[in-house]
Amino acid sequence: MNFESATLVVDGKAGDPMKPSMIEQTKLLANALDRASTACFTVGIATPVAGFLYNVGNFRALSGPFEMIGGVLVWILGAGGLHLAARRVLKGLDQ
């Protein structure tokens, strides 16, 4: 994608051309949101699942399968929401 000639889109209507610095700030925001979604996946899904599978620190005795499923669902919704927010931010850059 070529973002060098992006225009600001407000309420579905193209506005003035964006400055290169504004384009970069928008891309940085989208990247930060996507990295936060990756962190949510790692902290809330991968780590507890690994702890449960390998029984780290007697994790299986401390949390049951329903707690694991509930926690994974909450964290995956959070990660998905952040990822979708990042995609929406990038949609603001019109070609």
N, C-alpha and C. Protein backbone atom coordinates (compact mmCIF):
# COMPACT_ATOMS: atom_id res chain seq x y z
N MET A 1 0.83 -1.19 0.00
CA MET A 1 0.00 0.00 0.00
C MET A 1 0.87 1.25 0.00
N ASN A 2 0.45 2.22 -0.70
CA ASN A 2 1.16 3.48 -0.76
C ASN A 2 0.40 4.51 0.06
N PHE A 3 0.98 4.89 1.20
CA PHE A 3 0.33 5.85 2.08
C PHE A 3 0.88 7.26 1.90
N GLU A 4 1.72 7.47 0.88
CA GLU A 4 2.34 8.78 0.69
C GLU A 4 1.32 9.85 0.31
N SER A 5 0.21 9.46 -0.28
CA SER A 5 -0.78 10.45 -0.70
C SER A 5 -2.12 10.21 0.00
N ALA A 6 -2.06 9.85 1.27
CA ALA A 6 -3.27 9.55 2.02
C ALA A 6 -4.07 10.82 2.29
N THR A 7 -5.37 10.65 2.39
CA THR A 7 -6.24 11.76 2.75
C THR A 7 -6.99 11.40 4.02
N LEU A 8 -7.31 12.40 4.78
CA LEU A 8 -8.04 12.21 6.02
C LEU A 8 -9.49 11.90 5.69
N VAL A 9 -10.00 10.80 6.26
CA VAL A 9 -11.38 10.40 6.02
C VAL A 9 -12.16 10.60 7.30
N VAL A 10 -13.19 11.44 7.22
CA VAL A 10 -14.05 11.72 8.37
C VAL A 10 -15.48 11.43 7.96
N ASP A 11 -16.14 10.55 8.70
CA ASP A 11 -17.53 10.18 8.40
C ASP A 11 -17.71 9.71 6.96
N GLY A 12 -16.72 8.96 6.46
CA GLY A 12 -16.83 8.42 5.11
C GLY A 12 -16.55 9.41 4.00
N LYS A 13 -16.18 10.65 4.33
CA LYS A 13 -15.90 11.67 3.31
C LYS A 13 -14.42 12.02 3.36
N ALA A 14 -13.79 12.01 2.20
CA ALA A 14 -12.37 12.35 2.12
C ALA A 14 -12.19 13.85 2.35
N GLY A 15 -11.20 14.19 3.13
CA GLY A 15 -10.92 15.59 3.43
C GLY A 15 -9.59 16.02 2.85
N ASP A 16 -8.88 16.84 3.59
CA ASP A 16 -7.60 17.36 3.15
C ASP A 16 -6.53 16.26 3.16
N PRO A 17 -5.52 16.39 2.29
CA PRO A 17 -4.42 15.44 2.33
C PRO A 17 -3.71 15.47 3.69
N MET A 18 -3.33 14.31 4.17
CA MET A 18 -2.66 14.23 5.46
C MET A 18 -1.18 14.52 5.30
N LYS A 19 -0.59 15.13 6.30
CA LYS A 19 0.85 15.37 6.32
C LYS A 19 1.55 14.03 6.53
N PRO A 20 2.76 13.88 6.02
CA PRO A 20 3.50 12.63 6.23
C PRO A 20 3.67 12.28 7.70
N SER A 21 3.85 13.27 8.55
CA SER A 21 4.00 12.99 9.98
C SER A 21 2.71 12.43 10.57
N MET A 22 1.58 12.91 10.11
CA MET A 22 0.29 12.40 10.59
C MET A 22 0.06 10.97 10.11
N ILE A 23 0.49 10.68 8.90
CA ILE A 23 0.38 9.32 8.37
C ILE A 23 1.20 8.37 9.24
N GLU A 24 2.43 8.77 9.55
CA GLU A 24 3.29 7.92 10.38
C GLU A 24 2.73 7.74 11.78
N GLN A 25 2.15 8.79 12.36
CA GLN A 25 1.55 8.67 13.69
C GLN A 25 0.37 7.72 13.67
N THR A 26 -0.40 7.74 12.60
CA THR A 26 -1.54 6.84 12.46
C THR A 26 -1.05 5.40 12.36
N LYS A 27 0.00 5.16 11.58
CA LYS A 27 0.54 3.82 11.46
C LYS A 27 1.14 3.34 12.78
N LEU A 28 1.80 4.25 13.51
CA LEU A 28 2.35 3.89 14.82
C LEU A 28 1.24 3.50 15.80
N LEU A 29 0.13 4.22 15.78
CA LEU A 29 -1.00 3.90 16.65
C LEU A 29 -1.56 2.52 16.31
N ALA A 30 -1.72 2.24 15.02
CA ALA A 30 -2.23 0.94 14.61
C ALA A 30 -1.27 -0.18 15.03
N ASN A 31 0.02 0.06 14.87
CA ASN A 31 1.00 -0.95 15.29
C ASN A 31 0.98 -1.16 16.80
N ALA A 32 0.84 -0.10 17.57
CA ALA A 32 0.78 -0.23 19.02
C ALA A 32 -0.45 -1.03 19.45
N LEU A 33 -1.58 -0.78 18.82
CA LEU A 33 -2.79 -1.54 19.14
C LEU A 33 -2.62 -3.01 18.78
N ASP A 34 -1.99 -3.28 17.65
CA ASP A 34 -1.80 -4.67 17.25
C ASP A 34 -0.81 -5.38 18.16
N ARG A 35 0.24 -4.68 18.60
CA ARG A 35 1.19 -5.28 19.56
C ARG A 35 0.50 -5.55 20.89
N ALA A 36 -0.39 -4.67 21.29
CA ALA A 36 -1.14 -4.90 22.53
C ALA A 36 -2.03 -6.13 22.39
N SER A 37 -2.60 -6.35 21.22
CA SER A 37 -3.43 -7.54 21.01
C SER A 37 -2.57 -8.79 21.07
N THR A 38 -1.36 -8.73 20.55
CA THR A 38 -0.44 -9.87 20.64
C THR A 38 -0.06 -10.14 22.09
N ALA A 39 0.16 -9.09 22.85
CA ALA A 39 0.48 -9.26 24.27
C ALA A 39 -0.69 -9.88 25.03
N CYS A 40 -1.90 -9.47 24.70
CA CYS A 40 -3.09 -10.07 25.33
C CYS A 40 -3.16 -11.56 25.02
N PHE A 41 -2.86 -11.93 23.80
CA PHE A 41 -2.88 -13.34 23.43
C PHE A 41 -1.83 -14.11 24.23
N THR A 42 -0.62 -13.55 24.31
CA THR A 42 0.47 -14.24 25.00
C THR A 42 0.20 -14.38 26.49
N VAL A 43 -0.20 -13.28 27.13
CA VAL A 43 -0.41 -13.28 28.57
C VAL A 43 -1.68 -14.04 28.96
N GLY A 44 -2.74 -13.83 28.23
CA GLY A 44 -4.02 -14.38 28.64
C GLY A 44 -4.37 -15.74 28.08
N ILE A 45 -3.67 -16.16 27.01
CA ILE A 45 -4.04 -17.43 26.38
C ILE A 45 -2.86 -18.40 26.39
N ALA A 46 -1.75 -18.04 25.75
CA ALA A 46 -0.63 -18.96 25.60
C ALA A 46 -0.03 -19.36 26.95
N THR A 47 0.16 -18.40 27.83
CA THR A 47 0.79 -18.69 29.12
C THR A 47 -0.08 -19.60 29.99
N PRO A 48 -1.36 -19.28 30.21
CA PRO A 48 -2.17 -20.19 31.03
C PRO A 48 -2.35 -21.58 30.41
N VAL A 49 -2.48 -21.64 29.10
CA VAL A 49 -2.63 -22.96 28.45
C VAL A 49 -1.36 -23.78 28.65
N ALA A 50 -0.20 -23.16 28.48
CA ALA A 50 1.06 -23.87 28.71
C ALA A 50 1.17 -24.29 30.18
N GLY A 51 0.78 -23.41 31.09
CA GLY A 51 0.82 -23.75 32.51
C GLY A 51 -0.10 -24.92 32.84
N PHE A 52 -1.25 -24.95 32.19
CA PHE A 52 -2.21 -26.03 32.42
C PHE A 52 -1.70 -27.35 31.82
N LEU A 53 -1.17 -27.28 30.59
CA LEU A 53 -0.68 -28.50 29.93
C LEU A 53 0.51 -29.12 30.66
N TYR A 54 1.44 -28.27 31.10
CA TYR A 54 2.65 -28.77 31.74
C TYR A 54 2.53 -28.78 33.27
N ASN A 55 1.39 -28.39 33.80
CA ASN A 55 1.12 -28.37 35.24
C ASN A 55 2.21 -27.61 36.01
N VAL A 56 2.54 -26.44 35.53
CA VAL A 56 3.56 -25.61 36.16
C VAL A 56 3.02 -25.09 37.50
N GLY A 57 3.76 -25.29 38.55
CA GLY A 57 3.35 -24.81 39.88
C GLY A 57 2.02 -25.39 40.33
N ASN A 58 1.75 -26.64 39.94
CA ASN A 58 0.49 -27.30 40.31
C ASN A 58 -0.71 -26.48 39.83
N PHE A 59 -0.59 -25.94 38.63
CA PHE A 59 -1.60 -25.04 38.06
C PHE A 59 -2.95 -25.73 37.87
N ARG A 60 -2.93 -27.00 37.50
CA ARG A 60 -4.19 -27.72 37.28
C ARG A 60 -5.02 -27.81 38.54
N ALA A 61 -4.36 -27.97 39.68
CA ALA A 61 -5.10 -28.06 40.94
C ALA A 61 -5.67 -26.71 41.35
N LEU A 62 -5.04 -25.63 40.92
CA LEU A 62 -5.47 -24.28 41.32
C LEU A 62 -6.57 -23.73 40.44
N SER A 63 -6.66 -24.18 39.20
CA SER A 63 -7.70 -23.68 38.31
C SER A 63 -8.30 -24.84 37.52
N GLY A 64 -9.59 -24.80 37.39
CA GLY A 64 -10.30 -25.85 36.68
C GLY A 64 -10.45 -25.54 35.20
N PRO A 65 -10.98 -26.50 34.45
CA PRO A 65 -11.14 -26.29 33.01
C PRO A 65 -12.12 -25.18 32.66
N PHE A 66 -13.16 -25.00 33.48
CA PHE A 66 -14.13 -23.95 33.19
C PHE A 66 -13.54 -22.56 33.40
N GLU A 67 -12.68 -22.43 34.41
CA GLU A 67 -11.97 -21.16 34.61
C GLU A 67 -11.03 -20.88 33.44
N MET A 68 -10.37 -21.93 32.97
CA MET A 68 -9.47 -21.77 31.82
C MET A 68 -10.24 -21.33 30.58
N ILE A 69 -11.35 -22.00 30.31
CA ILE A 69 -12.14 -21.66 29.12
C ILE A 69 -12.67 -20.23 29.22
N GLY A 70 -13.19 -19.86 30.39
CA GLY A 70 -13.69 -18.49 30.59
C GLY A 70 -12.60 -17.45 30.42
N GLY A 71 -11.44 -17.72 31.02
CA GLY A 71 -10.32 -16.78 30.90
C GLY A 71 -9.84 -16.64 29.47
N VAL A 72 -9.73 -17.76 28.78
CA VAL A 72 -9.29 -17.73 27.38
C VAL A 72 -10.27 -16.95 26.53
N LEU A 73 -11.56 -17.15 26.75
CA LEU A 73 -12.56 -16.41 25.96
C LEU A 73 -12.46 -14.91 26.20
N VAL A 74 -12.31 -14.51 27.45
CA VAL A 74 -12.20 -13.08 27.76
C VAL A 74 -10.97 -12.48 27.10
N TRP A 75 -9.83 -13.17 27.23
CA TRP A 75 -8.60 -12.64 26.66
C TRP A 75 -8.62 -12.64 25.15
N ILE A 76 -9.23 -13.66 24.53
CA ILE A 76 -9.27 -13.68 23.07
C ILE A 76 -10.19 -12.59 22.53
N LEU A 77 -11.26 -12.30 23.26
CA LEU A 77 -12.12 -11.18 22.86
C LEU A 77 -11.38 -9.85 22.96
N GLY A 78 -10.60 -9.69 24.03
CA GLY A 78 -9.80 -8.47 24.18
C GLY A 78 -8.76 -8.32 23.07
N ALA A 79 -8.06 -9.42 22.78
CA ALA A 79 -7.05 -9.39 21.72
C ALA A 79 -7.70 -9.12 20.37
N GLY A 80 -8.82 -9.77 20.10
CA GLY A 80 -9.53 -9.54 18.84
C GLY A 80 -10.03 -8.11 18.72
N GLY A 81 -10.55 -7.57 19.81
CA GLY A 81 -11.02 -6.18 19.80
C GLY A 81 -9.91 -5.19 19.51
N LEU A 82 -8.75 -5.40 20.13
CA LEU A 82 -7.61 -4.52 19.87
C LEU A 82 -7.13 -4.65 18.43
N HIS A 83 -7.11 -5.86 17.91
CA HIS A 83 -6.69 -6.06 16.53
C HIS A 83 -7.66 -5.37 15.56
N LEU A 84 -8.95 -5.50 15.81
CA LEU A 84 -9.94 -4.84 14.96
C LEU A 84 -9.83 -3.31 15.06
N ALA A 85 -9.51 -2.81 16.26
CA ALA A 85 -9.31 -1.37 16.42
C ALA A 85 -8.12 -0.90 15.59
N ALA A 86 -7.06 -1.70 15.55
CA ALA A 86 -5.89 -1.35 14.75
C ALA A 86 -6.25 -1.32 13.26
N ARG A 87 -7.04 -2.28 12.83
CA ARG A 87 -7.47 -2.29 11.42
C ARG A 87 -8.33 -1.08 11.10
N ARG A 88 -9.17 -0.69 12.03
CA ARG A 88 -10.03 0.47 11.81
C ARG A 88 -9.22 1.76 11.72
N VAL A 89 -8.18 1.86 12.56
CA VAL A 89 -7.30 3.04 12.50
C VAL A 89 -6.65 3.13 11.12
N LEU A 90 -6.20 2.00 10.60
CA LEU A 90 -5.57 2.02 9.28
C LEU A 90 -6.55 2.31 8.16
N LYS A 91 -7.82 1.99 8.36
CA LYS A 91 -8.79 2.32 7.33
C LYS A 91 -8.96 3.82 7.18
N GLY A 92 -8.56 4.57 8.20
CA GLY A 92 -8.61 6.02 8.11
C GLY A 92 -7.63 6.60 7.10
N LEU A 93 -6.66 5.78 6.70
CA LEU A 93 -5.71 6.21 5.68
C LEU A 93 -6.27 5.80 4.32
N ASP A 94 -6.77 6.75 3.60
CA ASP A 94 -7.34 6.47 2.29
C ASP A 94 -6.26 6.61 1.24
N GLN A 95 -6.28 5.71 0.28
CA GLN A 95 -5.24 5.76 -0.77
C GLN A 95 -5.47 6.91 -1.70
